[in-house]
Amino acid sequence: MWVKGFLLNEKAYMNDKVTIETYTGRIVEGSLIEINPTYHHSYGDYIPELSYIGKQLRNILGGEDSE
């Protein structure tokens, strides 16, 4: 399975066992096979600035992730 999210390990190398937190908050473990993967279609490359927009918006709107 291909999972995109945020690396929870302090550091990792290719093929290391890693822990990832997905955009929806799930915690998933597996082998690191690609860094910042992109889909192979015409929607463009991975844009790091867009990674945190969902969490930021929930905080602004007072959602479940707000403090």
C-alpha atoms as a PDB file:
ATOM      1  CA  MET A   1       0.000   0.000   0.000  1.00  0.00           C
ATOM      2  CA  TRP A   2       1.226   3.510  -0.781  1.00  0.00           C
ATOM      3  CA  VAL A   3       0.764   5.972   2.113  1.00  0.00           C
ATOM      4  CA  LYS A   4       1.528   9.682   2.131  1.00  0.00           C
ATOM      5  CA  GLY A   5       1.922  11.609   5.362  1.00  0.00           C
ATOM      6  CA  PHE A   6       4.417  12.877   7.917  1.00  0.00           C
ATOM      7  CA  LEU A   7       7.456  10.920   9.094  1.00  0.00           C
ATOM      8  CA  LEU A   8       7.372  10.378  12.860  1.00  0.00           C
ATOM      9  CA  ASN A   9      10.864   8.840  13.091  1.00  0.00           C
ATOM     10  CA  GLU A  10      13.714  11.207  13.969  1.00  0.00           C
ATOM     11  CA  LYS A  11      15.488  10.231  10.738  1.00  0.00           C
ATOM     12  CA  ALA A  12      15.195   7.467   8.183  1.00  0.00           C
ATOM     13  CA  TYR A  13      16.938   6.035   5.161  1.00  0.00           C
ATOM     14  CA  MET A  14      15.539   4.244   2.134  1.00  0.00           C
ATOM     15  CA  ASN A  15      14.069   0.811   2.982  1.00  0.00           C
ATOM     16  CA  ASP A  16      14.078   1.564   6.751  1.00  0.00           C
ATOM     17  CA  LYS A  17      10.992   0.620   8.759  1.00  0.00           C
ATOM     18  CA  VAL A  18       9.253   3.944   9.465  1.00  0.00           C
ATOM     19  CA  THR A  19       6.146   5.294  11.171  1.00  0.00           C
ATOM     20  CA  ILE A  20       3.975   7.744   9.248  1.00  0.00           C
ATOM     21  CA  GLU A  21       1.063   9.901  10.397  1.00  0.00           C
ATOM     22  CA  THR A  22      -1.358  10.315   7.497  1.00  0.00           C
ATOM     23  CA  TYR A  23      -3.259  13.499   6.711  1.00  0.00           C
ATOM     24  CA  THR A  24      -6.282  12.008   8.464  1.00  0.00           C
ATOM     25  CA  GLY A  25      -4.297  11.242  11.637  1.00  0.00           C
ATOM     26  CA  ARG A  26      -3.838   7.476  11.151  1.00  0.00           C
ATOM     27  CA  ILE A  27      -0.515   5.987  12.293  1.00  0.00           C
ATOM     28  CA  VAL A  28       0.948   3.548   9.751  1.00  0.00           C
ATOM     29  CA  GLU A  29       4.195   1.531   9.776  1.00  0.00           C
ATOM     30  CA  GLY A  30       6.046   0.252   6.739  1.00  0.00           C
ATOM     31  CA  SER A  31       9.175   0.484   4.612  1.00  0.00           C
ATOM     32  CA  LEU A  32      10.306   3.833   3.216  1.00  0.00           C
ATOM     33  CA  ILE A  33      10.565   3.428  -0.541  1.00  0.00           C
ATOM     34  CA  GLU A  34      10.234   7.028  -1.791  1.00  0.00           C
ATOM     35  CA  ILE A  35      10.549  10.534  -0.336  1.00  0.00           C
ATOM     36  CA  ASN A  36       7.866  13.072  -1.291  1.00  0.00           C
ATOM     37  CA  PRO A  37       6.269  10.734  -3.838  1.00  0.00           C
ATOM     38  CA  THR A  38       4.269  12.142  -6.701  1.00  0.00           C
ATOM     39  CA  TYR A  39       1.450  10.534  -8.602  1.00  0.00           C
ATOM     40  CA  HIS A  40       2.193   9.710 -12.208  1.00  0.00           C
ATOM     41  CA  HIS A  41      -0.402  11.930 -13.866  1.00  0.00           C
ATOM     42  CA  SER A  42      -0.639  15.551 -14.933  1.00  0.00           C
ATOM     43  CA  TYR A  43      -1.656  17.091 -11.590  1.00  0.00           C
ATOM     44  CA  GLY A  44       1.950  18.161 -10.891  1.00  0.00           C
ATOM     45  CA  ASP A  45       4.627  17.613  -8.279  1.00  0.00           C
ATOM     46  CA  TYR A  46       4.311  17.385  -4.517  1.00  0.00           C
ATOM     47  CA  ILE A  47       4.015  20.867  -2.938  1.00  0.00           C
ATOM     48  CA  PRO A  48       5.231  20.856   0.696  1.00  0.00           C
ATOM     49  CA  GLU A  49       3.435  24.121   1.541  1.00  0.00           C
ATOM     50  CA  LEU A  50       0.079  22.446   0.954  1.00  0.00           C
ATOM     51  CA  SER A  51       0.736  19.636   3.464  1.00  0.00           C
ATOM     52  CA  TYR A  52      -0.428  21.528   6.537  1.00  0.00           C
ATOM     53  CA  ILE A  53      -3.381  23.472   5.119  1.00  0.00           C
ATOM     54  CA  GLY A  54      -6.025  21.022   6.400  1.00  0.00           C
ATOM     55  CA  LYS A  55      -4.752  21.078   9.990  1.00  0.00           C
ATOM     56  CA  GLN A  56      -4.287  24.862   9.916  1.00  0.00           C
ATOM     57  CA  LEU A  57      -7.811  25.394   8.615  1.00  0.00           C
ATOM     58  CA  ARG A  58      -9.301  23.164  11.337  1.00  0.00           C
ATOM     59  CA  ASN A  59      -7.418  25.186  13.960  1.00  0.00           C
ATOM     60  CA  ILE A  60      -8.634  28.482  12.479  1.00  0.00           C
ATOM     61  CA  LEU A  61     -12.224  27.230  12.340  1.00  0.00           C
ATOM     62  CA  GLY A  62     -12.083  25.700  15.836  1.00  0.00           C
ATOM     63  CA  GLY A  63     -12.291  22.061  14.764  1.00  0.00           C
ATOM     64  CA  GLU A  64     -11.298  18.997  16.813  1.00  0.00           C
ATOM     65  CA  ASP A  65      -7.551  19.689  16.390  1.00  0.00           C
ATOM     66  CA  SER A  66      -7.786  23.228  17.829  1.00  0.00           C
ATOM     67  CA  GLU A  67      -6.295  24.066  21.198  1.00  0.00           C
END
